[in-house]
C-alpha atoms as a PDB file:
ATOM      1  CA  MET A   1     -23.932 -72.967 158.415  1.00  0.00           C
ATOM      2  CA  SER A   2     -24.051 -69.471 159.746  1.00  0.00           C
ATOM      3  CA  THR A   3     -21.388 -66.832 159.528  1.00  0.00           C
ATOM      4  CA  THR A   4     -20.207 -65.182 162.726  1.00  0.00           C
ATOM      5  CA  ASN A   5     -18.431 -61.867 163.038  1.00  0.00           C
ATOM      6  CA  THR A   6     -18.557 -60.961 166.690  1.00  0.00           C
ATOM      7  CA  ALA A   7     -15.487 -58.729 166.753  1.00  0.00           C
ATOM      8  CA  LYS A   8     -13.621 -56.427 164.389  1.00  0.00           C
ATOM      9  CA  TYR A   9     -10.548 -58.640 164.475  1.00  0.00           C
ATOM     10  CA  VAL A  10     -12.094 -62.032 163.649  1.00  0.00           C
ATOM     11  CA  PHE A  11     -14.343 -63.662 161.072  1.00  0.00           C
ATOM     12  CA  GLY A  12     -15.752 -67.165 161.113  1.00  0.00           C
ATOM     13  CA  LYS A  13     -18.725 -69.457 161.029  1.00  0.00           C
ATOM     14  CA  THR A  14     -20.449 -72.397 162.639  1.00  0.00           C
ATOM     15  CA  VAL A  15     -19.669 -75.612 160.757  1.00  0.00           C
ATOM     16  CA  ASN A  16     -21.527 -78.919 160.497  1.00  0.00           C
ATOM     17  CA  LEU A  17     -18.561 -80.940 161.696  1.00  0.00           C
ATOM     18  CA  LYS A  18     -17.544 -82.524 164.973  1.00  0.00           C
ATOM     19  CA  PHE A  19     -14.669 -80.760 166.720  1.00  0.00           C
ATOM     20  CA  GLU A  20     -11.832 -83.105 165.679  1.00  0.00           C
ATOM     21  CA  GLN A  21     -13.203 -83.314 162.125  1.00  0.00           C
ATOM     22  CA  ALA A  22     -13.204 -79.519 161.974  1.00  0.00           C
ATOM     23  CA  VAL A  23      -9.565 -79.328 163.127  1.00  0.00           C
ATOM     24  CA  THR A  24      -8.573 -81.839 160.440  1.00  0.00           C
ATOM     25  CA  ARG A  25     -10.558 -80.122 157.692  1.00  0.00           C
ATOM     26  CA  VAL A  26      -9.287 -76.658 158.620  1.00  0.00           C
ATOM     27  CA  THR A  27      -5.706 -77.936 158.503  1.00  0.00           C
ATOM     28  CA  GLU A  28      -6.317 -79.545 155.099  1.00  0.00           C
ATOM     29  CA  GLU A  29      -7.982 -76.439 153.652  1.00  0.00           C
ATOM     30  CA  LEU A  30      -5.204 -74.212 154.992  1.00  0.00           C
ATOM     31  CA  ALA A  31      -2.658 -76.407 153.208  1.00  0.00           C
ATOM     32  CA  LYS A  32      -4.545 -76.000 149.928  1.00  0.00           C
ATOM     33  CA  GLU A  33      -4.060 -72.228 150.287  1.00  0.00           C
ATOM     34  CA  GLY A  34      -0.344 -72.530 151.095  1.00  0.00           C
ATOM     35  CA  PHE A  35      -0.561 -72.338 154.902  1.00  0.00           C
ATOM     36  CA  GLY A  36       1.102 -74.673 157.328  1.00  0.00           C
ATOM     37  CA  VAL A  37       0.133 -75.021 160.972  1.00  0.00           C
ATOM     38  CA  LEU A  38       3.227 -74.023 162.936  1.00  0.00           C
ATOM     39  CA  THR A  39       1.671 -74.229 166.376  1.00  0.00           C
ATOM     40  CA  GLU A  40      -1.303 -75.948 167.933  1.00  0.00           C
ATOM     41  CA  ILE A  41      -2.491 -74.931 171.377  1.00  0.00           C
ATOM     42  CA  ASP A  42      -5.090 -77.093 173.108  1.00  0.00           C
ATOM     43  CA  VAL A  43      -6.614 -74.404 175.316  1.00  0.00           C
ATOM     44  CA  ALA A  44      -9.029 -76.796 177.065  1.00  0.00           C
ATOM     45  CA  ALA A  45      -6.252 -79.265 177.983  1.00  0.00           C
ATOM     46  CA  THR A  46      -3.956 -76.460 179.140  1.00  0.00           C
ATOM     47  CA  LEU A  47      -6.591 -74.903 181.403  1.00  0.00           C
ATOM     48  CA  LYS A  48      -7.462 -78.329 182.790  1.00  0.00           C
ATOM     49  CA  LYS A  49      -3.811 -79.082 183.558  1.00  0.00           C
ATOM     50  CA  LYS A  50      -2.814 -75.664 184.898  1.00  0.00           C
ATOM     51  CA  LEU A  51      -6.019 -74.521 186.613  1.00  0.00           C
ATOM     52  CA  GLY A  52      -8.138 -77.659 186.985  1.00  0.00           C
ATOM     53  CA  LEU A  53     -10.870 -76.054 184.864  1.00  0.00           C
ATOM     54  CA  ASP A  54     -13.147 -77.929 182.508  1.00  0.00           C
ATOM     55  CA  MET A  55     -14.210 -76.265 179.281  1.00  0.00           C
ATOM     56  CA  PRO A  56     -15.450 -77.376 175.868  1.00  0.00           C
ATOM     57  CA  PRO A  57     -12.836 -78.273 173.245  1.00  0.00           C
ATOM     58  CA  HIS A  58     -10.930 -75.177 172.124  1.00  0.00           C
ATOM     59  CA  ARG A  59      -7.839 -75.248 169.917  1.00  0.00           C
ATOM     60  CA  ILE A  60      -5.756 -72.440 168.459  1.00  0.00           C
ATOM     61  CA  LEU A  61      -3.901 -73.210 165.221  1.00  0.00           C
ATOM     62  CA  GLY A  62      -1.043 -70.884 164.296  1.00  0.00           C
ATOM     63  CA  ALA A  63      -1.284 -70.779 160.495  1.00  0.00           C
ATOM     64  CA  CYS A  64       1.515 -69.376 158.367  1.00  0.00           C
ATOM     65  CA  ASN A  65       1.978 -68.913 154.641  1.00  0.00           C
ATOM     66  CA  PRO A  66       5.780 -68.729 154.296  1.00  0.00           C
ATOM     67  CA  GLN A  67       5.670 -66.659 151.107  1.00  0.00           C
ATOM     68  CA  PHE A  68       3.517 -63.932 152.611  1.00  0.00           C
ATOM     69  CA  ALA A  69       5.290 -64.070 155.980  1.00  0.00           C
ATOM     70  CA  HIS A  70       8.619 -63.535 154.239  1.00  0.00           C
ATOM     71  CA  GLN A  71       7.275 -60.586 152.237  1.00  0.00           C
ATOM     72  CA  ALA A  72       5.815 -58.994 155.367  1.00  0.00           C
ATOM     73  CA  ILE A  73       9.041 -59.439 157.338  1.00  0.00           C
ATOM     74  CA  GLU A  74      11.041 -57.937 154.469  1.00  0.00           C
ATOM     75  CA  PHE A  75       8.891 -54.785 154.621  1.00  0.00           C
ATOM     76  CA  GLU A  76       8.559 -54.675 158.405  1.00  0.00           C
ATOM     77  CA  PRO A  77      10.982 -56.839 160.453  1.00  0.00           C
ATOM     78  CA  GLN A  78       9.056 -56.304 163.708  1.00  0.00           C
ATOM     79  CA  ILE A  79       5.848 -57.746 162.213  1.00  0.00           C
ATOM     80  CA  GLY A  80       6.833 -61.174 163.513  1.00  0.00           C
ATOM     81  CA  ALA A  81       5.189 -60.149 166.780  1.00  0.00           C
ATOM     82  CA  LEU A  82       1.848 -60.256 164.923  1.00  0.00           C
ATOM     83  CA  LEU A  83       2.425 -63.600 163.210  1.00  0.00           C
ATOM     84  CA  PRO A  84       1.206 -66.284 162.630  1.00  0.00           C
ATOM     85  CA  CYS A  85      -2.491 -65.970 161.794  1.00  0.00           C
ATOM     86  CA  ASN A  86      -4.494 -67.671 164.518  1.00  0.00           C
ATOM     87  CA  VAL A  87      -7.340 -69.966 163.554  1.00  0.00           C
ATOM     88  CA  VAL A  88      -9.576 -71.055 166.418  1.00  0.00           C
ATOM     89  CA  VAL A  89     -11.691 -74.195 166.396  1.00  0.00           C
ATOM     90  CA  ARG A  90     -13.966 -74.443 169.409  1.00  0.00           C
ATOM     91  CA  GLU A  91     -17.189 -75.881 170.692  1.00  0.00           C
ATOM     92  CA  GLU A  92     -19.901 -73.681 172.082  1.00  0.00           C
ATOM     93  CA  GLY A  93     -23.394 -74.837 172.972  1.00  0.00           C
ATOM     94  CA  GLY A  94     -22.929 -78.156 171.185  1.00  0.00           C
ATOM     95  CA  LYS A  95     -21.857 -76.471 167.946  1.00  0.00           C
ATOM     96  CA  THR A  96     -18.417 -76.234 166.343  1.00  0.00           C
ATOM     97  CA  LEU A  97     -17.142 -72.793 165.433  1.00  0.00           C
ATOM     98  CA  VAL A  98     -14.178 -71.836 163.276  1.00  0.00           C
ATOM     99  CA  GLU A  99     -12.918 -68.296 163.803  1.00  0.00           C
ATOM    100  CA  ILE A 100      -9.999 -66.703 162.004  1.00  0.00           C
ATOM    101  CA  MET A 101      -7.956 -63.674 162.989  1.00  0.00           C
ATOM    102  CA  ASP A 102      -8.538 -60.973 160.387  1.00  0.00           C
ATOM    103  CA  PRO A 103      -5.061 -60.137 159.062  1.00  0.00           C
ATOM    104  CA  ARG A 104      -6.277 -56.760 157.793  1.00  0.00           C
ATOM    105  CA  ALA A 105      -7.441 -55.730 161.258  1.00  0.00           C
ATOM    106  CA  VAL A 106      -4.257 -56.815 162.991  1.00  0.00           C
ATOM    107  CA  LEU A 107      -1.806 -55.729 160.324  1.00  0.00           C
ATOM    108  CA  GLN A 108      -3.331 -52.270 160.002  1.00  0.00           C
ATOM    109  CA  LEU A 109      -1.509 -51.609 163.262  1.00  0.00           C
ATOM    110  CA  VAL A 110       1.650 -51.452 161.163  1.00  0.00           C
ATOM    111  CA  GLY A 111       0.332 -48.643 158.961  1.00  0.00           C
ATOM    112  CA  ARG A 112       2.288 -49.525 155.791  1.00  0.00           C
ATOM    113  CA  PRO A 113       0.555 -49.868 152.411  1.00  0.00           C
ATOM    114  CA  GLU A 114       2.794 -52.796 151.442  1.00  0.00           C
ATOM    115  CA  ILE A 115       1.590 -54.701 154.492  1.00  0.00           C
ATOM    116  CA  ALA A 116      -2.037 -53.822 153.752  1.00  0.00           C
ATOM    117  CA  THR A 117      -1.673 -55.379 150.296  1.00  0.00           C
ATOM    118  CA  ILE A 118      -0.250 -58.590 151.758  1.00  0.00           C
ATOM    119  CA  ALA A 119      -2.932 -58.671 154.453  1.00  0.00           C
ATOM    120  CA  GLY A 120      -5.642 -58.364 151.801  1.00  0.00           C
ATOM    121  CA  GLU A 121      -4.311 -61.382 149.900  1.00  0.00           C
ATOM    122  CA  VAL A 122      -3.933 -63.395 153.102  1.00  0.00           C
ATOM    123  CA  ARG A 123      -7.513 -62.493 154.079  1.00  0.00           C
ATOM    124  CA  ALA A 124      -8.803 -63.649 150.666  1.00  0.00           C
ATOM    125  CA  ARG A 125      -7.074 -67.011 151.085  1.00  0.00           C
ATOM    126  CA  LEU A 126      -8.395 -67.436 154.615  1.00  0.00           C
ATOM    127  CA  GLU A 127     -11.908 -66.597 153.398  1.00  0.00           C
ATOM    128  CA  ARG A 128     -11.573 -69.423 150.852  1.00  0.00           C
ATOM    129  CA  VAL A 129     -10.520 -71.771 153.674  1.00  0.00           C
ATOM    130  CA  LEU A 130     -13.627 -70.838 155.630  1.00  0.00           C
ATOM    131  CA  ALA A 131     -15.894 -71.159 152.590  1.00  0.00           C
ATOM    132  CA  ALA A 132     -14.580 -74.684 151.912  1.00  0.00           C
ATOM    133  CA  LEU A 133     -15.632 -75.965 155.346  1.00  0.00           C
END
């Protein structure tokens, strides 16, 4: 498994799992760290339906840890626009990739030390999710 970090706002890796297995495992590992999947967007199916385009499997999971979300909203009510944390599972070149939005990169937009502390803890939990795959 190789780690990928192609952008400042995402971290991830290639996993030795089929696409659907990866979605299931990511969801299970998120739950172990206190995250639920609030939304699931099947990008490939949506683009096929709306634009008639074919693409490899690509799903966006909107992961939320209620405890941390509540703390963040208490400090900064407008932060909801930056939630939940998106976790992408996609196929590229016959491989399955899992890529996670870096909460530190996104939440630094807020510029509050309380939010930075929360983002650091959320990042640590998401790193454990990735390491478990």
